[in-house]
């Protein structure tokens, strides 16, 4: 298994009318971004899970990387962290959109095996 899941959670949520960015709002008793982390863990598809954020967060079996000014900077920071980590496939996802299925992850992984 040489897959990595990068979750981008450094955004400010400028369009979201709240003092707190959307990815940190509680939904079903946990921050929105944790729903994606939990699905990535539950899928058992990933050698590494990387959370890119500008907050001080500790999560078991999740590597936390500092986010950038813009989304592409955060993506780049997450990818830089993976240099020399022997990762074949990288799944990058937005922390404010946790409504994906584990089945989708498995299908994407299966498709990556044939490309």
N, C-alpha and C. Protein backbone atom coordinates (compact mmCIF):
# COMPACT_ATOMS: atom_id res chain seq x y z
N UNK A 1 0.86 -1.18 0.00
CA UNK A 1 0.00 0.00 0.00
C UNK A 1 0.90 1.24 0.00
N UNK A 2 0.90 1.97 -1.09
CA UNK A 2 1.75 3.16 -1.19
C UNK A 2 0.93 4.39 -1.53
N UNK A 3 -0.22 4.49 -0.93
CA UNK A 3 -1.09 5.64 -1.14
C UNK A 3 -0.98 6.62 0.03
N UNK A 4 -1.23 7.89 -0.28
CA UNK A 4 -1.28 8.92 0.75
C UNK A 4 -2.54 9.75 0.56
N UNK A 5 -3.16 10.11 1.66
CA UNK A 5 -4.34 10.97 1.66
C UNK A 5 -3.93 12.31 2.25
N UNK A 6 -4.02 13.37 1.46
CA UNK A 6 -3.72 14.72 1.94
C UNK A 6 -5.05 15.47 2.09
N UNK A 7 -5.30 15.98 3.27
CA UNK A 7 -6.52 16.73 3.54
C UNK A 7 -6.15 18.20 3.74
N UNK A 8 -6.67 19.05 2.88
CA UNK A 8 -6.38 20.48 2.94
C UNK A 8 -7.38 21.17 3.88
N UNK A 9 -6.86 21.70 5.00
CA UNK A 9 -7.72 22.32 6.01
C UNK A 9 -7.17 23.67 6.47
N UNK A 10 -6.40 24.34 5.62
CA UNK A 10 -5.79 25.61 6.01
C UNK A 10 -6.59 26.81 5.53
N UNK A 11 -7.68 26.57 4.82
CA UNK A 11 -8.46 27.67 4.26
C UNK A 11 -9.12 28.55 5.30
N UNK A 12 -9.39 29.77 4.90
CA UNK A 12 -10.01 30.75 5.80
C UNK A 12 -11.53 30.76 5.70
N UNK A 13 -12.07 30.16 4.65
CA UNK A 13 -13.52 30.14 4.49
C UNK A 13 -14.12 31.52 4.36
N UNK A 14 -13.57 32.33 3.48
CA UNK A 14 -14.00 33.74 3.33
C UNK A 14 -15.48 33.87 2.98
N UNK A 15 -16.02 32.93 2.21
CA UNK A 15 -17.43 33.03 1.81
C UNK A 15 -18.38 32.48 2.88
N UNK A 16 -17.85 31.74 3.83
CA UNK A 16 -18.65 31.15 4.89
C UNK A 16 -18.82 32.20 5.99
N UNK A 17 -20.05 32.58 6.27
CA UNK A 17 -20.31 33.68 7.22
C UNK A 17 -20.27 33.18 8.66
N UNK A 18 -19.05 33.01 9.16
CA UNK A 18 -18.84 32.57 10.54
C UNK A 18 -17.47 33.06 10.97
N UNK A 19 -17.29 33.17 12.28
CA UNK A 19 -15.98 33.53 12.81
C UNK A 19 -14.98 32.38 12.68
N UNK A 20 -15.49 31.18 12.48
CA UNK A 20 -14.66 29.99 12.38
C UNK A 20 -14.76 29.41 10.96
N UNK A 21 -13.65 29.01 10.35
CA UNK A 21 -13.71 28.38 9.03
C UNK A 21 -14.59 27.12 9.07
N UNK A 22 -15.26 26.87 7.98
CA UNK A 22 -16.23 25.77 7.89
C UNK A 22 -15.64 24.42 8.31
N UNK A 23 -14.41 24.13 7.93
CA UNK A 23 -13.83 22.81 8.20
C UNK A 23 -13.65 22.52 9.69
N UNK A 24 -13.74 23.56 10.54
CA UNK A 24 -13.58 23.37 11.99
C UNK A 24 -14.90 23.43 12.76
N UNK A 25 -15.99 23.70 12.07
CA UNK A 25 -17.32 23.71 12.69
C UNK A 25 -17.70 22.29 13.08
N UNK A 26 -18.28 22.11 14.25
CA UNK A 26 -18.71 20.78 14.67
C UNK A 26 -19.92 20.33 13.88
N UNK A 27 -19.86 19.09 13.44
CA UNK A 27 -20.96 18.44 12.73
C UNK A 27 -21.01 17.01 13.26
N UNK A 28 -22.13 16.63 13.82
CA UNK A 28 -22.29 15.30 14.43
C UNK A 28 -21.19 15.06 15.47
N UNK A 29 -21.00 16.02 16.33
CA UNK A 29 -20.12 15.94 17.50
C UNK A 29 -18.63 15.90 17.21
N UNK A 30 -18.21 16.31 16.02
CA UNK A 30 -16.78 16.42 15.75
C UNK A 30 -16.56 17.44 14.64
N UNK A 31 -15.36 18.01 14.59
CA UNK A 31 -15.09 19.00 13.53
C UNK A 31 -15.29 18.38 12.14
N UNK A 32 -15.77 19.17 11.23
CA UNK A 32 -16.09 18.70 9.89
C UNK A 32 -14.93 17.96 9.24
N UNK A 33 -13.70 18.48 9.40
CA UNK A 33 -12.55 17.84 8.76
C UNK A 33 -12.30 16.42 9.28
N UNK A 34 -12.70 16.14 10.52
CA UNK A 34 -12.46 14.81 11.09
C UNK A 34 -13.27 13.72 10.41
N UNK A 35 -14.37 14.07 9.79
CA UNK A 35 -15.16 13.08 9.06
C UNK A 35 -14.34 12.51 7.90
N UNK A 36 -13.59 13.37 7.23
CA UNK A 36 -12.74 12.91 6.12
C UNK A 36 -11.56 12.09 6.64
N UNK A 37 -10.94 12.53 7.72
CA UNK A 37 -9.83 11.78 8.33
C UNK A 37 -10.31 10.38 8.73
N UNK A 38 -11.46 10.33 9.38
CA UNK A 38 -11.99 9.03 9.82
C UNK A 38 -12.27 8.10 8.65
N UNK A 39 -12.81 8.63 7.55
CA UNK A 39 -13.07 7.80 6.37
C UNK A 39 -11.77 7.31 5.75
N UNK A 40 -10.77 8.17 5.70
CA UNK A 40 -9.47 7.76 5.16
C UNK A 40 -8.87 6.64 6.00
N UNK A 41 -8.95 6.78 7.32
CA UNK A 41 -8.43 5.73 8.21
C UNK A 41 -9.21 4.43 8.04
N UNK A 42 -10.53 4.55 8.04
CA UNK A 42 -11.39 3.37 7.95
C UNK A 42 -11.20 2.61 6.64
N UNK A 43 -10.85 3.32 5.58
CA UNK A 43 -10.68 2.67 4.27
C UNK A 43 -9.48 1.73 4.24
N UNK A 44 -8.49 1.98 5.10
CA UNK A 44 -7.25 1.19 5.15
C UNK A 44 -6.49 1.20 3.82
N UNK A 45 -6.67 2.25 3.04
CA UNK A 45 -6.00 2.38 1.75
C UNK A 45 -4.70 3.18 1.81
N UNK A 46 -4.46 3.86 2.94
CA UNK A 46 -3.39 4.86 2.95
C UNK A 46 -2.26 4.53 3.91
N UNK A 47 -1.06 4.57 3.36
CA UNK A 47 0.15 4.39 4.18
C UNK A 47 0.34 5.61 5.08
N UNK A 48 -0.02 6.79 4.55
CA UNK A 48 0.10 8.03 5.30
C UNK A 48 -1.15 8.88 5.10
N UNK A 49 -1.52 9.57 6.17
CA UNK A 49 -2.58 10.57 6.11
C UNK A 49 -1.94 11.88 6.56
N UNK A 50 -2.09 12.92 5.74
CA UNK A 50 -1.47 14.21 6.01
C UNK A 50 -2.57 15.26 6.11
N UNK A 51 -2.57 15.99 7.21
CA UNK A 51 -3.50 17.11 7.39
C UNK A 51 -2.70 18.39 7.22
N UNK A 52 -3.11 19.21 6.26
CA UNK A 52 -2.45 20.49 6.01
C UNK A 52 -3.32 21.58 6.63
N UNK A 53 -2.76 22.25 7.65
CA UNK A 53 -3.53 23.22 8.40
C UNK A 53 -2.61 24.29 8.98
N UNK A 54 -3.19 25.39 9.42
CA UNK A 54 -2.42 26.42 10.10
C UNK A 54 -2.74 26.45 11.59
N UNK A 55 -3.35 25.40 12.08
CA UNK A 55 -3.69 25.29 13.50
C UNK A 55 -2.82 24.23 14.16
N UNK A 56 -2.70 24.33 15.48
CA UNK A 56 -1.99 23.33 16.27
C UNK A 56 -2.96 22.18 16.54
N UNK A 57 -2.78 21.07 15.84
CA UNK A 57 -3.67 19.92 15.96
C UNK A 57 -2.83 18.66 16.07
N UNK A 58 -3.24 17.76 16.95
CA UNK A 58 -2.60 16.45 17.06
C UNK A 58 -3.67 15.39 16.91
N UNK A 59 -3.45 14.48 15.96
CA UNK A 59 -4.38 13.39 15.71
C UNK A 59 -3.55 12.12 15.55
N UNK A 60 -3.95 11.08 16.20
CA UNK A 60 -3.23 9.82 16.13
C UNK A 60 -3.09 9.33 14.69
N UNK A 61 -1.88 8.96 14.31
CA UNK A 61 -1.56 8.42 12.98
C UNK A 61 -1.83 9.39 11.84
N UNK A 62 -1.79 10.68 12.12
CA UNK A 62 -1.96 11.72 11.10
C UNK A 62 -0.78 12.67 11.21
N UNK A 63 -0.14 12.92 10.09
CA UNK A 63 0.98 13.87 10.04
C UNK A 63 0.41 15.25 9.75
N UNK A 64 0.77 16.23 10.54
CA UNK A 64 0.27 17.59 10.36
C UNK A 64 1.36 18.43 9.72
N UNK A 65 0.99 19.12 8.64
CA UNK A 65 1.90 19.97 7.87
C UNK A 65 1.32 21.38 7.83
N UNK A 66 2.18 22.37 7.90
CA UNK A 66 1.74 23.77 7.87
C UNK A 66 1.16 24.12 6.51
N UNK A 67 0.02 24.78 6.53
CA UNK A 67 -0.64 25.22 5.31
C UNK A 67 0.00 26.47 4.73
N UNK A 68 -0.37 26.79 3.51
CA UNK A 68 0.15 27.97 2.84
C UNK A 68 -0.87 29.07 2.74
N UNK A 69 -0.50 30.14 2.05
CA UNK A 69 -1.37 31.29 1.90
C UNK A 69 -2.58 30.96 1.01
N UNK A 70 -2.33 30.24 -0.06
CA UNK A 70 -3.39 29.83 -1.00
C UNK A 70 -3.48 28.30 -1.04
N UNK A 71 -4.56 27.79 -1.62
CA UNK A 71 -4.77 26.34 -1.68
C UNK A 71 -3.61 25.63 -2.39
N UNK A 72 -3.10 26.21 -3.48
CA UNK A 72 -2.01 25.54 -4.20
C UNK A 72 -0.75 25.50 -3.35
N UNK A 73 -0.54 26.51 -2.49
CA UNK A 73 0.61 26.50 -1.58
C UNK A 73 0.46 25.36 -0.56
N UNK A 74 -0.74 25.19 -0.04
CA UNK A 74 -1.00 24.11 0.92
C UNK A 74 -0.82 22.75 0.26
N UNK A 75 -1.32 22.60 -0.96
CA UNK A 75 -1.14 21.34 -1.69
C UNK A 75 0.35 21.05 -1.87
N UNK A 76 1.09 22.08 -2.26
CA UNK A 76 2.53 21.94 -2.47
C UNK A 76 3.24 21.55 -1.17
N UNK A 77 2.86 22.16 -0.05
CA UNK A 77 3.45 21.82 1.24
C UNK A 77 3.20 20.36 1.60
N UNK A 78 1.97 19.91 1.35
CA UNK A 78 1.65 18.50 1.61
C UNK A 78 2.47 17.56 0.74
N UNK A 79 2.61 17.93 -0.53
CA UNK A 79 3.41 17.09 -1.45
C UNK A 79 4.89 17.12 -1.09
N UNK A 80 5.39 18.29 -0.69
CA UNK A 80 6.80 18.39 -0.29
C UNK A 80 7.10 17.47 0.89
N UNK A 81 6.16 17.36 1.80
CA UNK A 81 6.34 16.49 2.95
C UNK A 81 6.56 15.03 2.51
N UNK A 82 5.98 14.64 1.38
CA UNK A 82 6.04 13.25 0.93
C UNK A 82 7.31 12.89 0.17
N UNK A 83 8.15 13.87 -0.12
CA UNK A 83 9.39 13.58 -0.85
C UNK A 83 10.18 12.52 -0.08
N UNK A 84 10.66 11.52 -0.79
CA UNK A 84 11.44 10.41 -0.23
C UNK A 84 10.65 9.51 0.73
N UNK A 85 9.33 9.54 0.65
CA UNK A 85 8.51 8.68 1.52
C UNK A 85 7.98 7.46 0.77
N UNK A 86 8.39 7.28 -0.48
CA UNK A 86 8.00 6.12 -1.29
C UNK A 86 6.48 5.99 -1.43
N UNK A 87 5.85 7.08 -1.82
CA UNK A 87 4.41 7.11 -2.05
C UNK A 87 4.17 7.05 -3.56
N UNK A 88 3.27 6.19 -3.99
CA UNK A 88 2.96 6.05 -5.41
C UNK A 88 1.78 6.92 -5.84
N UNK A 89 0.71 6.89 -5.06
CA UNK A 89 -0.51 7.62 -5.38
C UNK A 89 -0.86 8.59 -4.26
N UNK A 90 -1.29 9.79 -4.64
CA UNK A 90 -1.68 10.81 -3.67
C UNK A 90 -3.12 11.22 -3.94
N UNK A 91 -3.94 11.15 -2.92
CA UNK A 91 -5.33 11.59 -2.98
C UNK A 91 -5.37 12.92 -2.22
N UNK A 92 -5.77 14.00 -2.87
CA UNK A 92 -5.86 15.30 -2.21
C UNK A 92 -7.33 15.68 -2.11
N UNK A 93 -7.75 16.07 -0.90
CA UNK A 93 -9.16 16.39 -0.69
C UNK A 93 -9.31 17.67 0.14
N UNK A 94 -10.44 18.31 -0.01
CA UNK A 94 -10.79 19.54 0.69
C UNK A 94 -11.52 19.20 1.99
N UNK A 95 -11.01 19.68 3.11
CA UNK A 95 -11.55 19.33 4.42
C UNK A 95 -12.98 19.80 4.65
N UNK A 96 -13.43 20.78 3.91
CA UNK A 96 -14.79 21.31 4.12
C UNK A 96 -15.84 20.51 3.35
N UNK A 97 -15.43 19.44 2.68
CA UNK A 97 -16.36 18.63 1.89
C UNK A 97 -16.21 17.14 2.22
N UNK A 98 -16.73 16.71 3.37
CA UNK A 98 -16.53 15.32 3.81
C UNK A 98 -17.53 14.32 3.25
N UNK A 99 -18.40 14.76 2.35
CA UNK A 99 -19.48 13.88 1.88
C UNK A 99 -19.03 13.02 0.70
N UNK A 100 -18.05 12.17 0.95
CA UNK A 100 -17.62 11.18 -0.03
C UNK A 100 -17.67 9.82 0.66
N UNK A 101 -17.67 8.78 -0.13
CA UNK A 101 -17.78 7.45 0.45
C UNK A 101 -16.44 6.72 0.41
N UNK A 102 -16.30 5.77 1.29
CA UNK A 102 -15.13 4.91 1.28
C UNK A 102 -15.10 4.11 -0.03
N UNK A 103 -16.28 3.77 -0.52
CA UNK A 103 -16.37 3.06 -1.80
C UNK A 103 -15.77 3.91 -2.93
N UNK A 104 -16.00 5.20 -2.91
CA UNK A 104 -15.39 6.09 -3.91
C UNK A 104 -13.87 6.02 -3.82
N UNK A 105 -13.33 6.07 -2.62
CA UNK A 105 -11.87 5.97 -2.44
C UNK A 105 -11.35 4.66 -3.02
N UNK A 106 -12.05 3.59 -2.75
CA UNK A 106 -11.63 2.28 -3.25
C UNK A 106 -11.68 2.23 -4.77
N UNK A 107 -12.72 2.82 -5.37
CA UNK A 107 -12.81 2.85 -6.83
C UNK A 107 -11.71 3.70 -7.45
N UNK A 108 -11.40 4.83 -6.83
CA UNK A 108 -10.31 5.67 -7.33
C UNK A 108 -8.98 4.93 -7.23
N UNK A 109 -8.80 4.22 -6.14
CA UNK A 109 -7.58 3.45 -5.97
C UNK A 109 -7.47 2.35 -7.01
N UNK A 110 -8.56 1.66 -7.25
CA UNK A 110 -8.58 0.60 -8.26
C UNK A 110 -8.26 1.16 -9.63
N UNK A 111 -8.85 2.31 -9.98
CA UNK A 111 -8.58 2.94 -11.27
C UNK A 111 -7.13 3.37 -11.40
N UNK A 112 -6.52 3.80 -10.29
CA UNK A 112 -5.12 4.24 -10.36
C UNK A 112 -4.18 3.07 -10.64
N UNK A 113 -4.61 1.87 -10.31
CA UNK A 113 -3.78 0.68 -10.55
C UNK A 113 -3.67 0.37 -12.04
N UNK A 114 -4.63 0.83 -12.82
CA UNK A 114 -4.65 0.51 -14.25
C UNK A 114 -4.20 1.65 -15.13
N UNK A 115 -3.72 2.73 -14.56
CA UNK A 115 -3.27 3.85 -15.39
C UNK A 115 -1.77 3.97 -15.39
